[in-house]
């Protein structure tokens, strides 16, 4: 961490906002890719269901299509994308904060990473409950 702290200090001395330089690209990257991953995983799940229905002869693909369309609400798709944006921010911002503010040696880095994972998990669960109530 001494090397990393000196890198932050060097950026600050050069007049570069080290937090924006180090943290902002991570947050913007997650905010960009997470909704795409949600859309991709949903599409792959539907394709997997059709593949299983076709190969396993469990259900006729036409019945699967009718089942997917039955009581379909497009808002739920948008809700999953909106929630993914909040989750992406939490997943990127919380560990970045813990990593940016850690001081000490490798033991403190390990503790900070564990704290970041726990804090992110709790925040995601809480925000999921809150967003589900808010958006439903």
Protein backbone atom coordinates (compact mmCIF):
# COMPACT_ATOMS: atom_id res chain seq x y z
CA UNK A 1 0.00 0.00 0.00
CA UNK A 2 2.94 2.33 0.45
CA UNK A 3 3.55 2.14 -3.29
CA UNK A 4 -0.11 2.78 -4.01
CA UNK A 5 -0.29 5.67 -1.51
CA UNK A 6 2.78 7.25 -3.10
CA UNK A 7 1.09 6.93 -6.51
CA UNK A 8 -1.95 8.77 -5.16
CA UNK A 9 0.30 11.44 -3.67
CA UNK A 10 2.17 11.78 -6.98
CA UNK A 11 -1.11 12.29 -8.87
CA UNK A 12 -2.19 14.92 -6.32
CA UNK A 13 1.15 16.74 -6.63
CA UNK A 14 0.77 16.84 -10.43
CA UNK A 15 -2.59 18.53 -9.95
CA UNK A 16 -4.63 15.51 -11.03
CA UNK A 17 -7.64 14.61 -8.94
CA UNK A 18 -6.54 11.11 -7.94
CA UNK A 19 -10.01 9.96 -6.91
CA UNK A 20 -11.51 10.90 -10.29
CA UNK A 21 -8.54 9.39 -12.11
CA UNK A 22 -8.59 6.08 -10.22
CA UNK A 23 -12.21 5.56 -9.17
CA UNK A 24 -14.40 7.24 -11.80
CA UNK A 25 -13.39 4.90 -14.69
CA UNK A 26 -14.32 1.87 -12.57
CA UNK A 27 -17.72 3.29 -11.72
CA UNK A 28 -18.47 4.37 -15.29
CA UNK A 29 -17.33 1.00 -16.63
CA UNK A 30 -19.63 -0.88 -14.26
CA UNK A 31 -22.55 1.45 -14.99
CA UNK A 32 -22.03 0.76 -18.69
CA UNK A 33 -21.56 -3.00 -18.64
CA UNK A 34 -23.93 -4.14 -15.89
CA UNK A 35 -27.22 -3.42 -17.75
CA UNK A 36 -25.75 -5.14 -20.81
CA UNK A 37 -24.92 -8.18 -18.69
CA UNK A 38 -28.47 -8.26 -17.32
CA UNK A 39 -29.93 -8.15 -20.83
CA UNK A 40 -27.46 -10.78 -22.05
CA UNK A 41 -28.15 -13.14 -19.15
CA UNK A 42 -31.91 -12.81 -19.63
CA UNK A 43 -31.58 -13.57 -23.33
CA UNK A 44 -29.33 -16.57 -22.62
CA UNK A 45 -31.82 -17.85 -20.04
CA UNK A 46 -34.63 -17.70 -22.57
CA UNK A 47 -32.47 -19.37 -25.22
CA UNK A 48 -31.51 -22.06 -22.71
CA UNK A 49 -35.17 -22.67 -21.92
CA UNK A 50 -35.95 -23.08 -25.61
CA UNK A 51 -32.95 -25.37 -26.06
CA UNK A 52 -34.01 -27.52 -23.12
CA UNK A 53 -37.59 -27.61 -24.37
CA UNK A 54 -36.49 -28.62 -27.86
CA UNK A 55 -33.76 -31.13 -26.98
CA UNK A 56 -35.37 -32.61 -23.87
CA UNK A 57 -38.87 -32.80 -25.34
CA UNK A 58 -40.15 -31.54 -21.99
CA UNK A 59 -42.47 -28.91 -23.39
CA UNK A 60 -43.38 -27.84 -26.88
CA UNK A 61 -41.57 -24.58 -27.77
CA UNK A 62 -44.91 -23.02 -28.75
CA UNK A 63 -46.22 -23.67 -25.24
CA UNK A 64 -43.04 -22.14 -23.83
CA UNK A 65 -43.64 -19.04 -25.93
CA UNK A 66 -47.21 -18.80 -24.69
CA UNK A 67 -46.00 -19.23 -21.12
CA UNK A 68 -43.45 -16.44 -21.53
CA UNK A 69 -46.07 -14.12 -22.99
CA UNK A 70 -48.71 -14.95 -20.39
CA UNK A 71 -49.03 -12.07 -17.90
CA UNK A 72 -45.79 -10.50 -19.22
CA UNK A 73 -45.07 -7.04 -17.89
CA UNK A 74 -42.43 -5.05 -19.75
CA UNK A 75 -41.94 -2.90 -16.65
CA UNK A 76 -40.25 -5.85 -14.91
CA UNK A 77 -37.57 -5.86 -17.61
CA UNK A 78 -37.00 -2.13 -17.14
CA UNK A 79 -37.01 -2.60 -13.37
CA UNK A 80 -34.22 -5.18 -13.61
CA UNK A 81 -32.14 -2.77 -15.71
CA UNK A 82 -32.74 0.12 -13.29
CA UNK A 83 -31.82 -2.06 -10.31
CA UNK A 84 -28.67 -3.23 -12.10
CA UNK A 85 -27.52 0.39 -12.36
CA UNK A 86 -27.81 0.82 -8.60
CA UNK A 87 -26.07 -2.50 -7.97
CA UNK A 88 -23.29 -1.56 -10.40
CA UNK A 89 -22.69 1.66 -8.52
CA UNK A 90 -22.54 -0.15 -5.18
CA UNK A 91 -20.28 -2.91 -6.51
CA UNK A 92 -17.80 -0.40 -7.90
CA UNK A 93 -17.97 2.53 -5.48
CA UNK A 94 -17.84 0.76 -2.12
CA UNK A 95 -14.69 -1.30 -2.77
CA UNK A 96 -13.08 1.71 -4.44
CA UNK A 97 -13.71 3.76 -1.32
CA UNK A 98 -12.31 1.07 0.96
CA UNK A 99 -9.27 0.61 -1.27
CA UNK A 100 -8.66 4.33 -1.67
CA UNK A 101 -8.76 5.02 2.06
CA UNK A 102 -6.85 1.97 3.34
CA UNK A 103 -3.59 2.63 5.14
CA UNK A 104 -1.02 0.24 6.48
CA UNK A 105 0.34 -3.03 5.21
CA UNK A 106 -1.02 -6.13 3.59
CA UNK A 107 -3.02 -7.12 6.68
CA UNK A 108 -4.98 -3.87 6.48
CA UNK A 109 -5.50 -4.35 2.75
CA UNK A 110 -6.96 -7.80 3.40
CA UNK A 111 -9.21 -6.44 6.13
CA UNK A 112 -10.33 -3.58 3.90
CA UNK A 113 -11.19 -5.98 1.06
CA UNK A 114 -13.19 -8.19 3.42
CA UNK A 115 -14.99 -5.16 4.83
CA UNK A 116 -15.71 -3.94 1.30
CA UNK A 117 -17.28 -7.27 0.29
CA UNK A 118 -19.42 -7.42 3.43
CA UNK A 119 -20.50 -3.79 3.14
CA UNK A 120 -21.31 -4.16 -0.58
CA UNK A 121 -23.35 -7.31 0.05
CA UNK A 122 -25.39 -5.68 2.81
CA UNK A 123 -25.94 -2.53 0.74
CA UNK A 124 -27.06 -4.57 -2.26
CA UNK A 125 -29.55 -6.53 -0.16
CA UNK A 126 -30.92 -3.37 1.45
CA UNK A 127 -31.12 -1.47 -1.82
CA UNK A 128 -32.82 -4.46 -3.47
CA UNK A 129 -35.58 -4.40 -0.85
CA UNK A 130 -35.92 -0.63 -1.10
CA UNK A 131 -35.89 -0.52 -4.91
CA UNK A 132 -38.36 -3.39 -5.21
CA UNK A 133 -40.79 -1.55 -2.97
CA UNK A 134 -40.19 1.73 -4.76
CA UNK A 135 -40.43 0.44 -8.33
CA UNK A 136 -43.26 -2.10 -7.92
